[in-house]
Amino acid sequence: MQPTYDIAGFTLVLSKITLISAIFEAENNEGWQFNIRFVSGEKIAVKQPDRARISLDRDLLVQAINQYSGEST
């Protein structure tokens, strides 16, 4: 079974993530967001109204990927 991570209503397979963008201000006053791109080329946008919360979400995802990468080597 491959390691997964739950965020913003999605369950992501960590080995399929290829890119996590920087945090930026979302359009139409929707708060803050970052994008996650997958090996398939698909992407999802994770949005939060507050920068501290989106920063925490992104940092925890990066930490999970780093832990997975360390285990798989």
N, C-alpha and C. Protein backbone atom coordinates (compact mmCIF):
# COMPACT_ATOMS: atom_id res chain seq x y z
N MET A 1 0.84 -1.18 0.00
CA MET A 1 0.00 0.00 0.00
C MET A 1 0.88 1.24 0.00
N GLN A 2 0.56 2.18 -0.86
CA GLN A 2 1.36 3.39 -0.97
C GLN A 2 0.94 4.42 0.08
N PRO A 3 1.90 5.18 0.61
CA PRO A 3 1.58 6.21 1.59
C PRO A 3 0.69 7.30 0.99
N THR A 4 -0.30 7.73 1.76
CA THR A 4 -1.22 8.76 1.31
C THR A 4 -1.25 9.91 2.32
N TYR A 5 -1.84 11.01 1.90
CA TYR A 5 -1.97 12.18 2.76
C TYR A 5 -3.31 12.83 2.45
N ASP A 6 -4.07 13.17 3.48
CA ASP A 6 -5.38 13.82 3.31
C ASP A 6 -5.24 15.32 3.47
N ILE A 7 -5.77 16.05 2.48
CA ILE A 7 -5.76 17.51 2.54
C ILE A 7 -6.91 18.06 1.71
N ALA A 8 -7.62 19.01 2.27
CA ALA A 8 -8.69 19.74 1.57
C ALA A 8 -9.71 18.81 0.92
N GLY A 9 -10.03 17.72 1.58
CA GLY A 9 -11.02 16.79 1.05
C GLY A 9 -10.49 15.81 0.02
N PHE A 10 -9.18 15.82 -0.22
CA PHE A 10 -8.56 14.90 -1.17
C PHE A 10 -7.65 13.95 -0.41
N THR A 11 -7.52 12.73 -0.89
CA THR A 11 -6.51 11.81 -0.39
C THR A 11 -5.47 11.67 -1.50
N LEU A 12 -4.26 12.11 -1.23
CA LEU A 12 -3.20 12.14 -2.24
C LEU A 12 -2.24 10.97 -2.03
N VAL A 13 -1.81 10.35 -3.12
CA VAL A 13 -0.76 9.34 -3.07
C VAL A 13 0.56 10.10 -3.18
N LEU A 14 1.35 10.06 -2.13
CA LEU A 14 2.55 10.88 -2.06
C LEU A 14 3.53 10.64 -3.21
N SER A 15 3.64 9.41 -3.68
CA SER A 15 4.60 9.10 -4.75
C SER A 15 4.16 9.66 -6.10
N LYS A 16 2.94 10.16 -6.20
CA LYS A 16 2.43 10.71 -7.47
C LYS A 16 2.54 12.23 -7.56
N ILE A 17 2.99 12.87 -6.48
CA ILE A 17 3.13 14.33 -6.47
C ILE A 17 4.47 14.70 -7.10
N THR A 18 4.43 15.63 -8.07
CA THR A 18 5.67 16.06 -8.72
C THR A 18 6.05 17.49 -8.36
N LEU A 19 5.07 18.31 -7.94
CA LEU A 19 5.38 19.71 -7.67
C LEU A 19 4.39 20.28 -6.66
N ILE A 20 4.90 21.10 -5.78
CA ILE A 20 4.06 21.89 -4.88
C ILE A 20 4.48 23.34 -5.08
N SER A 21 3.54 24.19 -5.47
CA SER A 21 3.88 25.59 -5.74
C SER A 21 4.08 26.35 -4.44
N ALA A 22 4.58 27.56 -4.60
CA ALA A 22 4.66 28.49 -3.48
C ALA A 22 3.24 28.95 -3.13
N ILE A 23 3.08 29.55 -1.99
CA ILE A 23 1.79 30.10 -1.58
C ILE A 23 1.62 31.45 -2.26
N PHE A 24 0.42 31.69 -2.77
CA PHE A 24 0.13 32.97 -3.39
C PHE A 24 -1.32 33.34 -3.14
N GLU A 25 -1.64 34.60 -3.37
CA GLU A 25 -3.00 35.09 -3.14
C GLU A 25 -3.92 34.57 -4.24
N ALA A 26 -5.02 33.96 -3.84
CA ALA A 26 -5.98 33.40 -4.79
C ALA A 26 -6.76 34.53 -5.46
N GLU A 27 -7.29 34.23 -6.63
CA GLU A 27 -8.09 35.21 -7.36
C GLU A 27 -9.44 35.41 -6.69
N ASN A 28 -10.09 36.51 -7.01
CA ASN A 28 -11.46 36.81 -6.57
C ASN A 28 -11.62 36.82 -5.05
N ASN A 29 -10.60 37.30 -4.35
CA ASN A 29 -10.66 37.41 -2.89
C ASN A 29 -11.01 36.09 -2.21
N GLU A 30 -10.46 34.99 -2.71
CA GLU A 30 -10.71 33.66 -2.14
C GLU A 30 -9.66 33.26 -1.11
N GLY A 31 -8.85 34.20 -0.66
CA GLY A 31 -7.85 33.89 0.35
C GLY A 31 -6.51 33.56 -0.28
N TRP A 32 -5.89 32.50 0.22
CA TRP A 32 -4.54 32.09 -0.20
C TRP A 32 -4.60 30.67 -0.75
N GLN A 33 -3.65 30.34 -1.61
CA GLN A 33 -3.64 29.00 -2.18
C GLN A 33 -2.24 28.55 -2.55
N PHE A 34 -2.13 27.24 -2.74
CA PHE A 34 -0.97 26.64 -3.40
C PHE A 34 -1.49 25.52 -4.26
N ASN A 35 -0.73 25.17 -5.29
CA ASN A 35 -1.14 24.13 -6.22
C ASN A 35 -0.29 22.88 -6.03
N ILE A 36 -0.89 21.74 -6.29
CA ILE A 36 -0.20 20.46 -6.25
C ILE A 36 -0.34 19.84 -7.64
N ARG A 37 0.78 19.49 -8.25
CA ARG A 37 0.76 18.86 -9.58
C ARG A 37 1.19 17.40 -9.43
N PHE A 38 0.58 16.55 -10.25
CA PHE A 38 0.82 15.11 -10.19
C PHE A 38 1.51 14.62 -11.46
N VAL A 39 2.03 13.39 -11.41
CA VAL A 39 2.73 12.81 -12.56
C VAL A 39 1.83 12.76 -13.79
N SER A 40 0.54 12.69 -13.61
CA SER A 40 -0.40 12.64 -14.74
C SER A 40 -0.56 14.00 -15.42
N GLY A 41 -0.06 15.07 -14.77
CA GLY A 41 -0.23 16.41 -15.30
C GLY A 41 -1.41 17.15 -14.68
N GLU A 42 -2.25 16.43 -13.97
CA GLU A 42 -3.39 17.05 -13.29
C GLU A 42 -2.88 17.91 -12.14
N LYS A 43 -3.69 18.91 -11.76
CA LYS A 43 -3.32 19.71 -10.60
C LYS A 43 -4.56 20.02 -9.78
N ILE A 44 -4.33 20.22 -8.50
CA ILE A 44 -5.41 20.69 -7.63
C ILE A 44 -4.92 21.94 -6.91
N ALA A 45 -5.86 22.81 -6.61
CA ALA A 45 -5.56 24.02 -5.86
C ALA A 45 -6.10 23.85 -4.45
N VAL A 46 -5.25 24.08 -3.47
CA VAL A 46 -5.65 24.04 -2.07
C VAL A 46 -5.78 25.49 -1.62
N LYS A 47 -6.97 25.86 -1.13
CA LYS A 47 -7.23 27.24 -0.74
C LYS A 47 -7.68 27.32 0.71
N GLN A 48 -7.26 28.39 1.36
CA GLN A 48 -7.66 28.69 2.73
C GLN A 48 -7.84 30.20 2.84
N PRO A 49 -8.75 30.65 3.69
CA PRO A 49 -8.96 32.09 3.83
C PRO A 49 -7.83 32.80 4.56
N ASP A 50 -7.02 32.05 5.29
CA ASP A 50 -5.99 32.69 6.11
C ASP A 50 -4.60 32.14 5.78
N ARG A 51 -3.65 33.04 5.66
CA ARG A 51 -2.30 32.66 5.23
C ARG A 51 -1.62 31.72 6.21
N ALA A 52 -1.84 31.90 7.50
CA ALA A 52 -1.20 31.02 8.48
C ALA A 52 -1.68 29.58 8.30
N ARG A 53 -2.96 29.40 8.05
CA ARG A 53 -3.52 28.04 7.87
C ARG A 53 -3.00 27.40 6.58
N ILE A 54 -2.93 28.15 5.49
CA ILE A 54 -2.46 27.57 4.23
C ILE A 54 -0.97 27.24 4.34
N SER A 55 -0.23 28.06 5.07
CA SER A 55 1.19 27.80 5.28
C SER A 55 1.39 26.51 6.07
N LEU A 56 0.58 26.32 7.11
CA LEU A 56 0.65 25.09 7.89
C LEU A 56 0.28 23.88 7.03
N ASP A 57 -0.78 23.99 6.24
CA ASP A 57 -1.18 22.88 5.35
C ASP A 57 -0.04 22.49 4.41
N ARG A 58 0.58 23.48 3.80
CA ARG A 58 1.66 23.21 2.85
C ARG A 58 2.87 22.61 3.56
N ASP A 59 3.24 23.18 4.70
CA ASP A 59 4.40 22.66 5.45
C ASP A 59 4.20 21.21 5.88
N LEU A 60 3.01 20.88 6.33
CA LEU A 60 2.74 19.49 6.74
C LEU A 60 2.78 18.53 5.56
N LEU A 61 2.30 18.97 4.40
CA LEU A 61 2.38 18.13 3.20
C LEU A 61 3.84 17.91 2.80
N VAL A 62 4.63 18.96 2.81
CA VAL A 62 6.05 18.83 2.47
C VAL A 62 6.75 17.89 3.45
N GLN A 63 6.42 18.02 4.73
CA GLN A 63 7.00 17.13 5.75
C GLN A 63 6.63 15.67 5.46
N ALA A 64 5.38 15.42 5.10
CA ALA A 64 4.94 14.05 4.79
C ALA A 64 5.69 13.50 3.57
N ILE A 65 5.89 14.33 2.55
CA ILE A 65 6.62 13.90 1.36
C ILE A 65 8.07 13.60 1.72
N ASN A 66 8.68 14.45 2.53
CA ASN A 66 10.07 14.22 2.94
C ASN A 66 10.21 12.94 3.74
N GLN A 67 9.27 12.66 4.61
CA GLN A 67 9.31 11.41 5.37
C GLN A 67 9.16 10.21 4.44
N TYR A 68 8.24 10.30 3.50
CA TYR A 68 8.03 9.22 2.54
C TYR A 68 9.30 9.00 1.71
N SER A 69 9.90 10.10 1.24
CA SER A 69 11.12 9.99 0.41
C SER A 69 12.25 9.34 1.19
N GLY A 70 12.37 9.66 2.46
CA GLY A 70 13.41 9.06 3.29
C GLY A 70 13.20 7.58 3.51
N GLU A 71 11.94 7.15 3.58
CA GLU A 71 11.62 5.74 3.80
C GLU A 71 11.81 4.92 2.53
N SER A 72 11.60 5.54 1.36
CA SER A 72 11.61 4.77 0.11
C SER A 72 12.99 4.64 -0.49
N THR A 73 14.01 5.31 0.08
CA THR A 73 15.34 5.21 -0.49
C THR A 73 16.11 4.04 0.08
